């Protein structure tokens, strides 16, 4: 039996100052990132 695994990276994050945010709370997807997430979920 075989399986298919899809690896998907998160969408674009709103980060105009190019901060390395890692796991810090409060970072949201940009409008483009939200659209990317929506598209991959369809």
C-alpha atoms as a PDB file:
ATOM      1  CA  UNK A   1       0.000   0.000   0.000  1.00  0.00           C
ATOM      2  CA  UNK A   2       1.363   3.454  -0.876  1.00  0.00           C
ATOM      3  CA  UNK A   3       0.630   6.874   0.570  1.00  0.00           C
ATOM      4  CA  UNK A   4       0.923  10.397  -0.728  1.00  0.00           C
ATOM      5  CA  UNK A   5       2.173  13.078   1.651  1.00  0.00           C
ATOM      6  CA  UNK A   6       1.791  16.772   0.822  1.00  0.00           C
ATOM      7  CA  UNK A   7       4.086  19.228   2.612  1.00  0.00           C
ATOM      8  CA  UNK A   8       2.730  22.766   2.568  1.00  0.00           C
ATOM      9  CA  UNK A   9       4.528  25.810   3.933  1.00  0.00           C
ATOM     10  CA  UNK A  10       2.565  28.599   5.561  1.00  0.00           C
ATOM     11  CA  UNK A  11       1.442  31.596   3.507  1.00  0.00           C
ATOM     12  CA  UNK A  12       3.053  35.009   3.427  1.00  0.00           C
ATOM     13  CA  UNK A  13       3.222  36.825   6.780  1.00  0.00           C
ATOM     14  CA  UNK A  14       2.766  40.570   7.266  1.00  0.00           C
ATOM     15  CA  UNK A  15       6.333  41.543   8.219  1.00  0.00           C
ATOM     16  CA  UNK A  16       7.393  44.905   6.699  1.00  0.00           C
ATOM     17  CA  UNK A  17      10.448  45.250   8.987  1.00  0.00           C
ATOM     18  CA  UNK A  18      11.786  41.775   8.069  1.00  0.00           C
ATOM     19  CA  UNK A  19      11.950  40.714  11.729  1.00  0.00           C
ATOM     20  CA  UNK A  20      12.880  37.075  12.409  1.00  0.00           C
ATOM     21  CA  UNK A  21       9.756  36.371  14.410  1.00  0.00           C
ATOM     22  CA  UNK A  22      10.120  32.595  14.887  1.00  0.00           C
ATOM     23  CA  UNK A  23       7.452  31.453  17.328  1.00  0.00           C
ATOM     24  CA  UNK A  24       6.571  34.862  18.729  1.00  0.00           C
ATOM     25  CA  UNK A  25       2.823  35.449  19.160  1.00  0.00           C
ATOM     26  CA  UNK A  26       0.822  38.047  17.289  1.00  0.00           C
ATOM     27  CA  UNK A  27       2.043  37.583  13.715  1.00  0.00           C
ATOM     28  CA  UNK A  28      -0.746  37.292  11.154  1.00  0.00           C
ATOM     29  CA  UNK A  29      -0.896  36.254   7.538  1.00  0.00           C
ATOM     30  CA  UNK A  30      -0.903  39.112   5.042  1.00  0.00           C
ATOM     31  CA  UNK A  31      -3.838  39.482   2.659  1.00  0.00           C
ATOM     32  CA  UNK A  32      -1.796  37.544   0.079  1.00  0.00           C
ATOM     33  CA  UNK A  33      -0.991  34.862   2.671  1.00  0.00           C
ATOM     34  CA  UNK A  34      -4.687  34.484   3.484  1.00  0.00           C
ATOM     35  CA  UNK A  35      -5.447  34.066  -0.214  1.00  0.00           C
ATOM     36  CA  UNK A  36      -2.666  31.465  -0.508  1.00  0.00           C
ATOM     37  CA  UNK A  37      -4.068  29.494   2.442  1.00  0.00           C
ATOM     38  CA  UNK A  38      -7.585  29.661   1.014  1.00  0.00           C
ATOM     39  CA  UNK A  39      -6.408  28.431  -2.387  1.00  0.00           C
ATOM     40  CA  UNK A  40      -4.429  25.483  -1.002  1.00  0.00           C
ATOM     41  CA  UNK A  41      -7.421  24.453   1.113  1.00  0.00           C
ATOM     42  CA  UNK A  42      -9.732  24.186  -1.883  1.00  0.00           C
END
